[in-house]
Amino acid sequence: ELQRQGDLIHQLITTVGAMGKAVNS
């Protein structure tokens, strides 16, 4: 479960990073 939660957090971080780049653009 911790691994799954970690994967989800990593996906969120990746998504937020991509959204940040899109917002900057």
mmCIF file of all heavy atoms, coordinates in Angstrom:
data_MODEL
# 
_entry.id   MODEL 
# 
loop_
_atom_site.group_PDB 
_atom_site.id 
_atom_site.type_symbol 
_atom_site.label_atom_id 
_atom_site.label_alt_id 
_atom_site.label_comp_id 
_atom_site.label_asym_id 
_atom_site.label_entity_id 
_atom_site.label_seq_id 
_atom_site.pdbx_PDB_ins_code 
_atom_site.Cartn_x 
_atom_site.Cartn_y 
_atom_site.Cartn_z 
_atom_site.occupancy 
_atom_site.B_iso_or_equiv 
_atom_site.pdbx_formal_charge 
_atom_site.auth_seq_id 
_atom_site.auth_comp_id 
_atom_site.auth_asym_id 
_atom_site.auth_atom_id 
_atom_site.pdbx_PDB_model_num 
ATOM 1   N N   . GLU A 1 1  ? 0.833  -1.207 0.000   1.00 0.00 ? 1  GLU A N   1 
ATOM 2   C CA  . GLU A 1 1  ? 0.000  0.000  0.000   1.00 0.00 ? 1  GLU A CA  1 
ATOM 3   C C   . GLU A 1 1  ? 0.867  1.256  0.000   1.00 0.00 ? 1  GLU A C   1 
ATOM 4   O O   . GLU A 1 1  ? 0.574  2.221  -0.721  1.00 0.00 ? 1  GLU A O   1 
ATOM 5   C CB  . GLU A 1 1  ? -0.951 -0.001 1.210   1.00 0.00 ? 1  GLU A CB  1 
ATOM 6   C CG  . GLU A 1 1  ? -1.895 1.179  1.264   1.00 0.00 ? 1  GLU A CG  1 
ATOM 7   C CD  . GLU A 1 1  ? -2.840 1.271  0.060   1.00 0.00 ? 1  GLU A CD  1 
ATOM 8   O OE1 . GLU A 1 1  ? -3.148 0.263  -0.591  1.00 0.00 ? 1  GLU A OE1 1 
ATOM 9   O OE2 . GLU A 1 1  ? -3.273 2.412  -0.230  1.00 0.00 ? 1  GLU A OE2 1 
ATOM 10  N N   . LEU A 1 2  ? 1.939  1.244  0.791   1.00 0.00 ? 2  LEU A N   1 
ATOM 11  C CA  . LEU A 1 2  ? 2.857  2.393  0.808   1.00 0.00 ? 2  LEU A CA  1 
ATOM 12  C C   . LEU A 1 2  ? 3.501  2.590  -0.567  1.00 0.00 ? 2  LEU A C   1 
ATOM 13  O O   . LEU A 1 2  ? 3.661  3.719  -1.018  1.00 0.00 ? 2  LEU A O   1 
ATOM 14  C CB  . LEU A 1 2  ? 3.928  2.216  1.887   1.00 0.00 ? 2  LEU A CB  1 
ATOM 15  C CG  . LEU A 1 2  ? 3.471  2.404  3.326   1.00 0.00 ? 2  LEU A CG  1 
ATOM 16  C CD1 . LEU A 1 2  ? 4.603  2.054  4.286   1.00 0.00 ? 2  LEU A CD1 1 
ATOM 17  C CD2 . LEU A 1 2  ? 2.994  3.831  3.563   1.00 0.00 ? 2  LEU A CD2 1 
ATOM 18  N N   . GLN A 1 3  ? 3.846  1.500  -1.223  1.00 0.00 ? 3  GLN A N   1 
ATOM 19  C CA  . GLN A 1 3  ? 4.436  1.589  -2.565  1.00 0.00 ? 3  GLN A CA  1 
ATOM 20  C C   . GLN A 1 3  ? 3.424  2.189  -3.538  1.00 0.00 ? 3  GLN A C   1 
ATOM 21  O O   . GLN A 1 3  ? 3.744  3.046  -4.349  1.00 0.00 ? 3  GLN A O   1 
ATOM 22  C CB  . GLN A 1 3  ? 4.883  0.201  -3.045  1.00 0.00 ? 3  GLN A CB  1 
ATOM 23  C CG  . GLN A 1 3  ? 5.507  0.202  -4.423  1.00 0.00 ? 3  GLN A CG  1 
ATOM 24  C CD  . GLN A 1 3  ? 6.781  1.025  -4.503  1.00 0.00 ? 3  GLN A CD  1 
ATOM 25  O OE1 . GLN A 1 3  ? 7.645  0.928  -3.627  1.00 0.00 ? 3  GLN A OE1 1 
ATOM 26  N NE2 . GLN A 1 3  ? 6.905  1.850  -5.521  1.00 0.00 ? 3  GLN A NE2 1 
ATOM 27  N N   . ARG A 1 4  ? 2.164  1.703  -3.437  1.00 0.00 ? 4  ARG A N   1 
ATOM 28  C CA  . ARG A 1 4  ? 1.101  2.231  -4.301  1.00 0.00 ? 4  ARG A CA  1 
ATOM 29  C C   . ARG A 1 4  ? 0.896  3.725  -4.035  1.00 0.00 ? 4  ARG A C   1 
ATOM 30  O O   . ARG A 1 4  ? 0.782  4.520  -4.972  1.00 0.00 ? 4  ARG A O   1 
ATOM 31  C CB  . ARG A 1 4  ? -0.200 1.460  -4.050  1.00 0.00 ? 4  ARG A CB  1 
ATOM 32  C CG  . ARG A 1 4  ? -1.290 1.722  -5.069  1.00 0.00 ? 4  ARG A CG  1 
ATOM 33  C CD  . ARG A 1 4  ? -2.548 0.910  -4.797  1.00 0.00 ? 4  ARG A CD  1 
ATOM 34  N NE  . ARG A 1 4  ? -3.315 1.412  -3.675  1.00 0.00 ? 4  ARG A NE  1 
ATOM 35  C CZ  . ARG A 1 4  ? -4.108 2.494  -3.714  1.00 0.00 ? 4  ARG A CZ  1 
ATOM 36  N NH1 . ARG A 1 4  ? -4.225 3.178  -4.824  1.00 0.00 ? 4  ARG A NH1 1 
ATOM 37  N NH2 . ARG A 1 4  ? -4.770 2.888  -2.654  1.00 0.00 ? 4  ARG A NH2 1 
ATOM 38  N N   . GLN A 1 5  ? 0.870  4.110  -2.769  1.00 0.00 ? 5  GLN A N   1 
ATOM 39  C CA  . GLN A 1 5  ? 0.711  5.525  -2.409  1.00 0.00 ? 5  GLN A CA  1 
ATOM 40  C C   . GLN A 1 5  ? 1.903  6.346  -2.929  1.00 0.00 ? 5  GLN A C   1 
ATOM 41  O O   . GLN A 1 5  ? 1.732  7.456  -3.427  1.00 0.00 ? 5  GLN A O   1 
ATOM 42  C CB  . GLN A 1 5  ? 0.576  5.688  -0.877  1.00 0.00 ? 5  GLN A CB  1 
ATOM 43  C CG  . GLN A 1 5  ? -0.687 5.112  -0.283  1.00 0.00 ? 5  GLN A CG  1 
ATOM 44  C CD  . GLN A 1 5  ? -1.931 5.839  -0.731  1.00 0.00 ? 5  GLN A CD  1 
ATOM 45  O OE1 . GLN A 1 5  ? -1.915 7.039  -0.932  1.00 0.00 ? 5  GLN A OE1 1 
ATOM 46  N NE2 . GLN A 1 5  ? -3.008 5.090  -0.919  1.00 0.00 ? 5  GLN A NE2 1 
ATOM 47  N N   . GLY A 1 6  ? 3.090  5.781  -2.807  1.00 0.00 ? 6  GLY A N   1 
ATOM 48  C CA  . GLY A 1 6  ? 4.289  6.458  -3.315  1.00 0.00 ? 6  GLY A CA  1 
ATOM 49  C C   . GLY A 1 6  ? 4.217  6.652  -4.817  1.00 0.00 ? 6  GLY A C   1 
ATOM 50  O O   . GLY A 1 6  ? 4.586  7.711  -5.346  1.00 0.00 ? 6  GLY A O   1 
ATOM 51  N N   . ASP A 1 7  ? 3.727  5.626  -5.525  1.00 0.00 ? 7  ASP A N   1 
ATOM 52  C CA  . ASP A 1 7  ? 3.573  5.726  -6.983  1.00 0.00 ? 7  ASP A CA  1 
ATOM 53  C C   . ASP A 1 7  ? 2.565  6.813  -7.338  1.00 0.00 ? 7  ASP A C   1 
ATOM 54  O O   . ASP A 1 7  ? 2.776  7.595  -8.274  1.00 0.00 ? 7  ASP A O   1 
ATOM 55  C CB  . ASP A 1 7  ? 3.134  4.382  -7.573  1.00 0.00 ? 7  ASP A CB  1 
ATOM 56  C CG  . ASP A 1 7  ? 4.225  3.319  -7.510  1.00 0.00 ? 7  ASP A CG  1 
ATOM 57  O OD1 . ASP A 1 7  ? 5.407  3.688  -7.281  1.00 0.00 ? 7  ASP A OD1 1 
ATOM 58  O OD2 . ASP A 1 7  ? 3.902  2.128  -7.690  1.00 0.00 ? 7  ASP A OD2 1 
ATOM 59  N N   . LEU A 1 8  ? 1.452  6.841  -6.579  1.00 0.00 ? 8  LEU A N   1 
ATOM 60  C CA  . LEU A 1 8  ? 0.448  7.879  -6.826  1.00 0.00 ? 8  LEU A CA  1 
ATOM 61  C C   . LEU A 1 8  ? 1.012  9.279  -6.565  1.00 0.00 ? 8  LEU A C   1 
ATOM 62  O O   . LEU A 1 8  ? 0.765  10.212 -7.337  1.00 0.00 ? 8  LEU A O   1 
ATOM 63  C CB  . LEU A 1 8  ? -0.800 7.633  -5.957  1.00 0.00 ? 8  LEU A CB  1 
ATOM 64  C CG  . LEU A 1 8  ? -1.666 6.443  -6.354  1.00 0.00 ? 8  LEU A CG  1 
ATOM 65  C CD1 . LEU A 1 8  ? -2.770 6.223  -5.315  1.00 0.00 ? 8  LEU A CD1 1 
ATOM 66  C CD2 . LEU A 1 8  ? -2.269 6.633  -7.734  1.00 0.00 ? 8  LEU A CD2 1 
ATOM 67  N N   . ILE A 1 9  ? 1.769  9.417  -5.509  1.00 0.00 ? 9  ILE A N   1 
ATOM 68  C CA  . ILE A 1 9  ? 2.384  10.711 -5.186  1.00 0.00 ? 9  ILE A CA  1 
ATOM 69  C C   . ILE A 1 9  ? 3.358  11.103 -6.295  1.00 0.00 ? 9  ILE A C   1 
ATOM 70  O O   . ILE A 1 9  ? 3.384  12.263 -6.735  1.00 0.00 ? 9  ILE A O   1 
ATOM 71  C CB  . ILE A 1 9  ? 3.080  10.663 -3.800  1.00 0.00 ? 9  ILE A CB  1 
ATOM 72  C CG1 . ILE A 1 9  ? 2.024  10.609 -2.712  1.00 0.00 ? 9  ILE A CG1 1 
ATOM 73  C CG2 . ILE A 1 9  ? 4.007  11.858 -3.618  1.00 0.00 ? 9  ILE A CG2 1 
ATOM 74  C CD1 . ILE A 1 9  ? 2.583  10.337 -1.320  1.00 0.00 ? 9  ILE A CD1 1 
ATOM 75  N N   . HIS A 1 10 ? 4.122  10.140 -6.785  1.00 0.00 ? 10 HIS A N   1 
ATOM 76  C CA  . HIS A 1 10 ? 5.060  10.419 -7.879  1.00 0.00 ? 10 HIS A CA  1 
ATOM 77  C C   . HIS A 1 10 ? 4.301  10.873 -9.135  1.00 0.00 ? 10 HIS A C   1 
ATOM 78  O O   . HIS A 1 10 ? 4.710  11.815 -9.815  1.00 0.00 ? 10 HIS A O   1 
ATOM 79  C CB  . HIS A 1 10 ? 5.906  9.179  -8.177  1.00 0.00 ? 10 HIS A CB  1 
ATOM 80  C CG  . HIS A 1 10 ? 6.857  9.366  -9.309  1.00 0.00 ? 10 HIS A CG  1 
ATOM 81  N ND1 . HIS A 1 10 ? 7.871  10.309 -9.288  1.00 0.00 ? 10 HIS A ND1 1 
ATOM 82  C CD2 . HIS A 1 10 ? 6.941  8.749  -10.519 1.00 0.00 ? 10 HIS A CD2 1 
ATOM 83  C CE1 . HIS A 1 10 ? 8.524  10.254 -10.433 1.00 0.00 ? 10 HIS A CE1 1 
ATOM 84  N NE2 . HIS A 1 10 ? 7.985  9.313  -11.195 1.00 0.00 ? 10 HIS A NE2 1 
ATOM 85  N N   . GLN A 1 11 ? 3.173  10.188 -9.423  1.00 0.00 ? 11 GLN A N   1 
ATOM 86  C CA  . GLN A 1 11 ? 2.353  10.594 -10.565 1.00 0.00 ? 11 GLN A CA  1 
ATOM 87  C C   . GLN A 1 11 ? 1.820  12.015 -10.379 1.00 0.00 ? 11 GLN A C   1 
ATOM 88  O O   . GLN A 1 11 ? 1.802  12.808 -11.329 1.00 0.00 ? 11 GLN A O   1 
ATOM 89  C CB  . GLN A 1 11 ? 1.166  9.628  -10.750 1.00 0.00 ? 11 GLN A CB  1 
ATOM 90  C CG  . GLN A 1 11 ? 1.540  8.301  -11.353 1.00 0.00 ? 11 GLN A CG  1 
ATOM 91  C CD  . GLN A 1 11 ? 0.327  7.371  -11.441 1.00 0.00 ? 11 GLN A CD  1 
ATOM 92  O OE1 . GLN A 1 11 ? -0.651 7.526  -10.720 1.00 0.00 ? 11 GLN A OE1 1 
ATOM 93  N NE2 . GLN A 1 11 ? 0.413  6.402  -12.335 1.00 0.00 ? 11 GLN A NE2 1 
ATOM 94  N N   . LEU A 1 12 ? 1.394  12.324 -9.165  1.00 0.00 ? 12 LEU A N   1 
ATOM 95  C CA  . LEU A 1 12 ? 0.891  13.676 -8.883  1.00 0.00 ? 12 LEU A CA  1 
ATOM 96  C C   . LEU A 1 12 ? 1.987  14.718 -9.065  1.00 0.00 ? 12 LEU A C   1 
ATOM 97  O O   . LEU A 1 12 ? 1.762  15.775 -9.654  1.00 0.00 ? 12 LEU A O   1 
ATOM 98  C CB  . LEU A 1 12 ? 0.324  13.762 -7.459  1.00 0.00 ? 12 LEU A CB  1 
ATOM 99  C CG  . LEU A 1 12 ? -1.053 13.133 -7.255  1.00 0.00 ? 12 LEU A CG  1 
ATOM 100 C CD1 . LEU A 1 12 ? -1.401 13.108 -5.774  1.00 0.00 ? 12 LEU A CD1 1 
ATOM 101 C CD2 . LEU A 1 12 ? -2.103 13.912 -8.026  1.00 0.00 ? 12 LEU A CD2 1 
ATOM 102 N N   . ILE A 1 13 ? 3.170  14.398 -8.566  1.00 0.00 ? 13 ILE A N   1 
ATOM 103 C CA  . ILE A 1 13 ? 4.298  15.328 -8.700  1.00 0.00 ? 13 ILE A CA  1 
ATOM 104 C C   . ILE A 1 13 ? 4.617  15.544 -10.179 1.00 0.00 ? 13 ILE A C   1 
ATOM 105 O O   . ILE A 1 13 ? 4.826  16.674 -10.627 1.00 0.00 ? 13 ILE A O   1 
ATOM 106 C CB  . ILE A 1 13 ? 5.529  14.805 -7.932  1.00 0.00 ? 13 ILE A CB  1 
ATOM 107 C CG1 . ILE A 1 13 ? 5.280  14.918 -6.421  1.00 0.00 ? 13 ILE A CG1 1 
ATOM 108 C CG2 . ILE A 1 13 ? 6.792  15.562 -8.325  1.00 0.00 ? 13 ILE A CG2 1 
ATOM 109 C CD1 . ILE A 1 13 ? 6.326  14.216 -5.559  1.00 0.00 ? 13 ILE A CD1 1 
ATOM 110 N N   . THR A 1 14 ? 4.614  14.468 -10.959 1.00 0.00 ? 14 THR A N   1 
ATOM 111 C CA  . THR A 1 14 ? 4.882  14.565 -12.396 1.00 0.00 ? 14 THR A CA  1 
ATOM 112 C C   . THR A 1 14 ? 3.809  15.394 -13.081 1.00 0.00 ? 14 THR A C   1 
ATOM 113 O O   . THR A 1 14 ? 4.098  16.281 -13.897 1.00 0.00 ? 14 THR A O   1 
ATOM 114 C CB  . THR A 1 14 ? 4.952  13.152 -13.018 1.00 0.00 ? 14 THR A CB  1 
ATOM 115 O OG1 . THR A 1 14 ? 5.986  12.423 -12.367 1.00 0.00 ? 14 THR A OG1 1 
ATOM 116 C CG2 . THR A 1 14 ? 5.235  13.216 -14.503 1.00 0.00 ? 14 THR A CG2 1 
ATOM 117 N N   . THR A 1 15 ? 2.544  15.133 -12.723 1.00 0.00 ? 15 THR A N   1 
ATOM 118 C CA  . THR A 1 15 ? 1.431  15.871 -13.321 1.00 0.00 ? 15 THR A CA  1 
ATOM 119 C C   . THR A 1 15 ? 1.497  17.346 -12.951 1.00 0.00 ? 15 THR A C   1 
ATOM 120 O O   . THR A 1 15 ? 1.318  18.220 -13.811 1.00 0.00 ? 15 THR A O   1 
ATOM 121 C CB  . THR A 1 15 ? 0.082  15.269 -12.861 1.00 0.00 ? 15 THR A CB  1 
ATOM 122 O OG1 . THR A 1 15 ? 0.045  13.896 -13.250 1.00 0.00 ? 15 THR A OG1 1 
ATOM 123 C CG2 . THR A 1 15 ? -1.093 16.013 -13.464 1.00 0.00 ? 15 THR A CG2 1 
ATOM 124 N N   . VAL A 1 16 ? 1.762  17.631 -11.684 1.00 0.00 ? 16 VAL A N   1 
ATOM 125 C CA  . VAL A 1 16 ? 1.862  19.029 -11.242 1.00 0.00 ? 16 VAL A CA  1 
ATOM 126 C C   . VAL A 1 16 ? 3.028  19.717 -11.945 1.00 0.00 ? 16 VAL A C   1 
ATOM 127 O O   . VAL A 1 16 ? 2.915  20.875 -12.370 1.00 0.00 ? 16 VAL A O   1 
ATOM 128 C CB  . VAL A 1 16 ? 1.996  19.111 -9.697  1.00 0.00 ? 16 VAL A CB  1 
ATOM 129 C CG1 . VAL A 1 16 ? 2.394  20.499 -9.253  1.00 0.00 ? 16 VAL A CG1 1 
ATOM 130 C CG2 . VAL A 1 16 ? 0.692  18.686 -9.033  1.00 0.00 ? 16 VAL A CG2 1 
ATOM 131 N N   . GLY A 1 17 ? 4.132  19.015 -12.102 1.00 0.00 ? 17 GLY A N   1 
ATOM 132 C CA  . GLY A 1 17 ? 5.274  19.591 -12.826 1.00 0.00 ? 17 GLY A CA  1 
ATOM 133 C C   . GLY A 1 17 ? 4.920  19.916 -14.264 1.00 0.00 ? 17 GLY A C   1 
ATOM 134 O O   . GLY A 1 17 ? 5.252  20.988 -14.779 1.00 0.00 ? 17 GLY A O   1 
ATOM 135 N N   . ALA A 1 18 ? 4.218  18.986 -14.925 1.00 0.00 ? 18 ALA A N   1 
ATOM 136 C CA  . ALA A 1 18 ? 3.802  19.222 -16.309 1.00 0.00 ? 18 ALA A CA  1 
ATOM 137 C C   . ALA A 1 18 ? 2.828  20.390 -16.376 1.00 0.00 ? 18 ALA A C   1 
ATOM 138 O O   . ALA A 1 18 ? 2.902  21.229 -17.278 1.00 0.00 ? 18 ALA A O   1 
ATOM 139 C CB  . ALA A 1 18 ? 3.165  17.967 -16.899 1.00 0.00 ? 18 ALA A CB  1 
ATOM 140 N N   . MET A 1 19 ? 1.922  20.455 -15.405 1.00 0.00 ? 19 MET A N   1 
ATOM 141 C CA  . MET A 1 19 ? 0.969  21.564 -15.375 1.00 0.00 ? 19 MET A CA  1 
ATOM 142 C C   . MET A 1 19 ? 1.696  22.887 -15.125 1.00 0.00 ? 19 MET A C   1 
ATOM 143 O O   . MET A 1 19 ? 1.349  23.916 -15.719 1.00 0.00 ? 19 MET A O   1 
ATOM 144 C CB  . MET A 1 19 ? -0.096 21.329 -14.298 1.00 0.00 ? 19 MET A CB  1 
ATOM 145 C CG  . MET A 1 19 ? -1.076 20.220 -14.681 1.00 0.00 ? 19 MET A CG  1 
ATOM 146 S SD  . MET A 1 19 ? -2.238 19.820 -13.364 1.00 0.00 ? 19 MET A SD  1 
ATOM 147 C CE  . MET A 1 19 ? -3.212 21.295 -13.327 1.00 0.00 ? 19 MET A CE  1 
ATOM 148 N N   . GLY A 1 20 ? 2.710  22.853 -14.279 1.00 0.00 ? 20 GLY A N   1 
ATOM 149 C CA  . GLY A 1 20 ? 3.501  24.055 -14.028 1.00 0.00 ? 20 GLY A CA  1 
ATOM 150 C C   . GLY A 1 20 ? 4.178  24.551 -15.293 1.00 0.00 ? 20 GLY A C   1 
ATOM 151 O O   . GLY A 1 20 ? 4.193  25.748 -15.584 1.00 0.00 ? 20 GLY A O   1 
ATOM 152 N N   . LYS A 1 21 ? 4.716  23.625 -16.076 1.00 0.00 ? 21 LYS A N   1 
ATOM 153 C CA  . LYS A 1 21 ? 5.342  24.001 -17.348 1.00 0.00 ? 21 LYS A CA  1 
ATOM 154 C C   . LYS A 1 21 ? 4.307  24.591 -18.299 1.00 0.00 ? 21 LYS A C   1 
ATOM 155 O O   . LYS A 1 21 ? 4.571  25.576 -18.987 1.00 0.00 ? 21 LYS A O   1 
ATOM 156 C CB  . LYS A 1 21 ? 6.028  22.795 -17.990 1.00 0.00 ? 21 LYS A CB  1 
ATOM 157 C CG  . LYS A 1 21 ? 7.291  22.367 -17.284 1.00 0.00 ? 21 LYS A CG  1 
ATOM 158 C CD  . LYS A 1 21 ? 7.893  21.138 -17.941 1.00 0.00 ? 21 LYS A CD  1 
ATOM 159 C CE  . LYS A 1 21 ? 9.117  20.664 -17.166 1.00 0.00 ? 21 LYS A CE  1 
ATOM 160 N NZ  . LYS A 1 21 ? 9.694  19.443 -17.731 1.00 0.00 ? 21 LYS A NZ  1 
ATOM 161 N N   . ALA A 1 22 ? 3.126  23.967 -18.332 1.00 0.00 ? 22 ALA A N   1 
ATOM 162 C CA  . ALA A 1 22 ? 2.058  24.468 -19.209 1.00 0.00 ? 22 ALA A CA  1 
ATOM 163 C C   . ALA A 1 22 ? 1.630  25.863 -18.774 1.00 0.00 ? 22 ALA A C   1 
ATOM 164 O O   . ALA A 1 22 ? 1.414  26.753 -19.610 1.00 0.00 ? 22 ALA A O   1 
ATOM 165 C CB  . ALA A 1 22 ? 0.866  23.508 -19.196 1.00 0.00 ? 22 ALA A CB  1 
ATOM 166 N N   . VAL A 1 23 ? 1.506  26.082 -17.470 1.00 0.00 ? 23 VAL A N   1 
ATOM 167 C CA  . VAL A 1 23 ? 1.125  27.405 -16.952 1.00 0.00 ? 23 VAL A CA  1 
ATOM 168 C C   . VAL A 1 23 ? 2.201  28.423 -17.298 1.00 0.00 ? 23 VAL A C   1 
ATOM 169 O O   . VAL A 1 23 ? 1.888  29.545 -17.732 1.00 0.00 ? 23 VAL A O   1 
ATOM 170 C CB  . VAL A 1 23 ? 0.871  27.350 -15.431 1.00 0.00 ? 23 VAL A CB  1 
ATOM 171 C CG1 . VAL A 1 23 ? 0.786  28.741 -14.835 1.00 0.00 ? 23 VAL A CG1 1 
ATOM 172 C CG2 . VAL A 1 23 ? -0.402 26.562 -15.130 1.00 0.00 ? 23 VAL A CG2 1 
ATOM 173 N N   . ASN A 1 24 ? 3.465  28.050 -17.148 1.00 0.00 ? 24 ASN A N   1 
ATOM 174 C CA  . ASN A 1 24 ? 4.557  28.965 -17.506 1.00 0.00 ? 24 ASN A CA  1 
ATOM 175 C C   . ASN A 1 24 ? 4.503  29.322 -18.984 1.00 0.00 ? 24 ASN A C   1 
ATOM 176 O O   . ASN A 1 24 ? 4.689  30.485 -19.358 1.00 0.00 ? 24 ASN A O   1 
ATOM 177 C CB  . ASN A 1 24 ? 5.917  28.352 -17.165 1.00 0.00 ? 24 ASN A CB  1 
ATOM 178 C CG  . ASN A 1 24 ? 6.202  28.352 -15.682 1.00 0.00 ? 24 ASN A CG  1 
ATOM 179 O OD1 . ASN A 1 24 ? 5.602  29.116 -14.929 1.00 0.00 ? 24 ASN A OD1 1 
ATOM 180 N ND2 . ASN A 1 24 ? 7.097  27.492 -15.258 1.00 0.00 ? 24 ASN A ND2 1 
ATOM 181 N N   . SER A 1 25 ? 4.237  28.321 -19.805 1.00 0.00 ? 25 SER A N   1 
ATOM 182 C CA  . SER A 1 25 ? 4.134  28.561 -21.249 1.00 0.00 ? 25 SER A CA  1 
ATOM 183 C C   . SER A 1 25 ? 2.975  29.511 -21.540 1.00 0.00 ? 25 SER A C   1 
ATOM 184 O O   . SER A 1 25 ? 3.107  30.440 -22.344 1.00 0.00 ? 25 SER A O   1 
ATOM 185 C CB  . SER A 1 25 ? 3.929  27.232 -21.975 1.00 0.00 ? 25 SER A CB  1 
ATOM 186 O OG  . SER A 1 25 ? 3.713  27.450 -23.345 1.00 0.00 ? 25 SER A OG  1 
# 
